[in-house]
């Protein structure tokens, strides 16, 4: 539903640069990212490259235009940074 808060948030987040998008979704408790590459003009090539650089591993699956990325390690790293910054250490 296009007018619901969830759909507005999804549109906002999906328009962010990849690093910011990942930070936003991890901060909101997501541990994975399902990517439908058919939604991209370049069949998702550029976002896949960006994700691979940040996640530092391939997707768990990449099949028929769809992929799934495990973000648990990013979530752990984000939590560690947050914990360190709350203690005045970075």
C-alpha atoms as a PDB file:
ATOM      1  CA  UNK A   1       0.000   0.000   0.000  1.00  0.00           C
ATOM      2  CA  UNK A   2       1.649   3.186  -1.187  1.00  0.00           C
ATOM      3  CA  UNK A   3       0.420   5.530   1.557  1.00  0.00           C
ATOM      4  CA  UNK A   4       1.384   3.405   4.545  1.00  0.00           C
ATOM      5  CA  UNK A   5       4.355   4.368   6.737  1.00  0.00           C
ATOM      6  CA  UNK A   6       6.139   1.093   5.958  1.00  0.00           C
ATOM      7  CA  UNK A   7       6.006   1.613   2.202  1.00  0.00           C
ATOM      8  CA  UNK A   8       7.171   5.231   2.581  1.00  0.00           C
ATOM      9  CA  UNK A   9      10.107   4.054   4.708  1.00  0.00           C
ATOM     10  CA  UNK A  10      11.004   1.351   2.174  1.00  0.00           C
ATOM     11  CA  UNK A  11      10.988   3.863  -0.695  1.00  0.00           C
ATOM     12  CA  UNK A  12      13.091   6.320   1.318  1.00  0.00           C
ATOM     13  CA  UNK A  13      15.641   3.685   2.329  1.00  0.00           C
ATOM     14  CA  UNK A  14      15.917   2.127  -1.134  1.00  0.00           C
ATOM     15  CA  UNK A  15      16.779   5.553  -2.581  1.00  0.00           C
ATOM     16  CA  UNK A  16      19.769   5.995  -0.237  1.00  0.00           C
ATOM     17  CA  UNK A  17      23.359   5.287  -1.273  1.00  0.00           C
ATOM     18  CA  UNK A  18      24.128   1.632  -0.519  1.00  0.00           C
ATOM     19  CA  UNK A  19      26.283   2.252   2.585  1.00  0.00           C
ATOM     20  CA  UNK A  20      23.612   4.501   4.112  1.00  0.00           C
ATOM     21  CA  UNK A  21      20.851   2.069   3.135  1.00  0.00           C
ATOM     22  CA  UNK A  22      22.644  -0.788   4.899  1.00  0.00           C
ATOM     23  CA  UNK A  23      23.241   1.329   8.000  1.00  0.00           C
ATOM     24  CA  UNK A  24      19.552   2.271   8.108  1.00  0.00           C
ATOM     25  CA  UNK A  25      18.231  -1.256   7.725  1.00  0.00           C
ATOM     26  CA  UNK A  26      20.731  -2.763  10.167  1.00  0.00           C
ATOM     27  CA  UNK A  27      19.940  -0.024  12.700  1.00  0.00           C
ATOM     28  CA  UNK A  28      16.283  -0.997  12.376  1.00  0.00           C
ATOM     29  CA  UNK A  29      17.029  -4.630  13.244  1.00  0.00           C
ATOM     30  CA  UNK A  30      17.166  -6.273   9.823  1.00  0.00           C
ATOM     31  CA  UNK A  31      19.696  -9.080   9.468  1.00  0.00           C
ATOM     32  CA  UNK A  32      19.330  -9.718   5.741  1.00  0.00           C
ATOM     33  CA  UNK A  33      18.598  -8.009   2.453  1.00  0.00           C
ATOM     34  CA  UNK A  34      16.516  -9.570  -0.308  1.00  0.00           C
ATOM     35  CA  UNK A  35      17.325  -7.915  -3.624  1.00  0.00           C
ATOM     36  CA  UNK A  36      15.169  -8.143  -6.735  1.00  0.00           C
ATOM     37  CA  UNK A  37      17.614  -7.205  -9.490  1.00  0.00           C
ATOM     38  CA  UNK A  38      14.817  -6.870 -12.042  1.00  0.00           C
ATOM     39  CA  UNK A  39      13.923  -3.562 -10.357  1.00  0.00           C
ATOM     40  CA  UNK A  40      17.169  -1.966 -11.605  1.00  0.00           C
ATOM     41  CA  UNK A  41      17.914  -0.630 -15.084  1.00  0.00           C
ATOM     42  CA  UNK A  42      21.328  -2.357 -15.081  1.00  0.00           C
ATOM     43  CA  UNK A  43      19.838  -5.612 -13.733  1.00  0.00           C
ATOM     44  CA  UNK A  44      21.311  -4.784 -10.326  1.00  0.00           C
ATOM     45  CA  UNK A  45      24.970  -4.921 -11.368  1.00  0.00           C
ATOM     46  CA  UNK A  46      26.021  -1.676  -9.663  1.00  0.00           C
ATOM     47  CA  UNK A  47      24.161  -2.331  -6.406  1.00  0.00           C
ATOM     48  CA  UNK A  48      25.534  -5.897  -6.342  1.00  0.00           C
ATOM     49  CA  UNK A  49      29.086  -4.524  -6.712  1.00  0.00           C
ATOM     50  CA  UNK A  50      28.500  -1.991  -3.939  1.00  0.00           C
ATOM     51  CA  UNK A  51      27.006  -4.622  -1.638  1.00  0.00           C
ATOM     52  CA  UNK A  52      29.934  -6.980  -2.261  1.00  0.00           C
ATOM     53  CA  UNK A  53      32.432  -4.254  -1.305  1.00  0.00           C
ATOM     54  CA  UNK A  54      30.625  -3.445   1.928  1.00  0.00           C
ATOM     55  CA  UNK A  55      29.471  -6.915   2.995  1.00  0.00           C
ATOM     56  CA  UNK A  56      32.812  -8.404   1.869  1.00  0.00           C
ATOM     57  CA  UNK A  57      31.298 -11.688   0.733  1.00  0.00           C
ATOM     58  CA  UNK A  58      28.933 -12.890  -1.983  1.00  0.00           C
ATOM     59  CA  UNK A  59      25.203 -13.187  -1.395  1.00  0.00           C
ATOM     60  CA  UNK A  60      23.905 -16.376   0.235  1.00  0.00           C
ATOM     61  CA  UNK A  61      21.998 -17.002  -2.982  1.00  0.00           C
ATOM     62  CA  UNK A  62      21.851 -15.296  -6.338  1.00  0.00           C
ATOM     63  CA  UNK A  63      19.322 -17.033  -8.523  1.00  0.00           C
ATOM     64  CA  UNK A  64      16.989 -15.935 -11.340  1.00  0.00           C
ATOM     65  CA  UNK A  65      17.453 -12.220 -10.763  1.00  0.00           C
ATOM     66  CA  UNK A  66      17.100 -12.321  -7.010  1.00  0.00           C
ATOM     67  CA  UNK A  67      19.685 -12.450  -4.276  1.00  0.00           C
ATOM     68  CA  UNK A  68      19.848 -12.557  -0.505  1.00  0.00           C
ATOM     69  CA  UNK A  69      22.597 -10.953   1.557  1.00  0.00           C
ATOM     70  CA  UNK A  70      23.363 -11.891   5.168  1.00  0.00           C
ATOM     71  CA  UNK A  71      23.860  -8.668   7.148  1.00  0.00           C
ATOM     72  CA  UNK A  72      24.458 -10.176  10.595  1.00  0.00           C
ATOM     73  CA  UNK A  73      28.165  -9.373  10.512  1.00  0.00           C
ATOM     74  CA  UNK A  74      27.438  -5.775   9.550  1.00  0.00           C
ATOM     75  CA  UNK A  75      24.906  -5.631  12.392  1.00  0.00           C
ATOM     76  CA  UNK A  76      27.502  -6.934  14.844  1.00  0.00           C
ATOM     77  CA  UNK A  77      30.082  -4.409  13.639  1.00  0.00           C
ATOM     78  CA  UNK A  78      27.519  -1.610  13.869  1.00  0.00           C
ATOM     79  CA  UNK A  79      26.599  -2.629  17.426  1.00  0.00           C
ATOM     80  CA  UNK A  80      30.291  -2.779  18.395  1.00  0.00           C
ATOM     81  CA  UNK A  81      30.855   0.748  17.049  1.00  0.00           C
ATOM     82  CA  UNK A  82      27.756   2.027  18.827  1.00  0.00           C
ATOM     83  CA  UNK A  83      28.865   0.429  22.082  1.00  0.00           C
ATOM     84  CA  UNK A  84      32.391   1.863  21.713  1.00  0.00           C
ATOM     85  CA  UNK A  85      31.118   5.357  20.900  1.00  0.00           C
ATOM     86  CA  UNK A  86      28.838   5.293  23.951  1.00  0.00           C
ATOM     87  CA  UNK A  87      31.976   4.658  25.998  1.00  0.00           C
ATOM     88  CA  UNK A  88      33.835   7.475  24.223  1.00  0.00           C
ATOM     89  CA  UNK A  89      35.995   5.114  22.162  1.00  0.00           C
ATOM     90  CA  UNK A  90      36.069   4.788  18.390  1.00  0.00           C
END
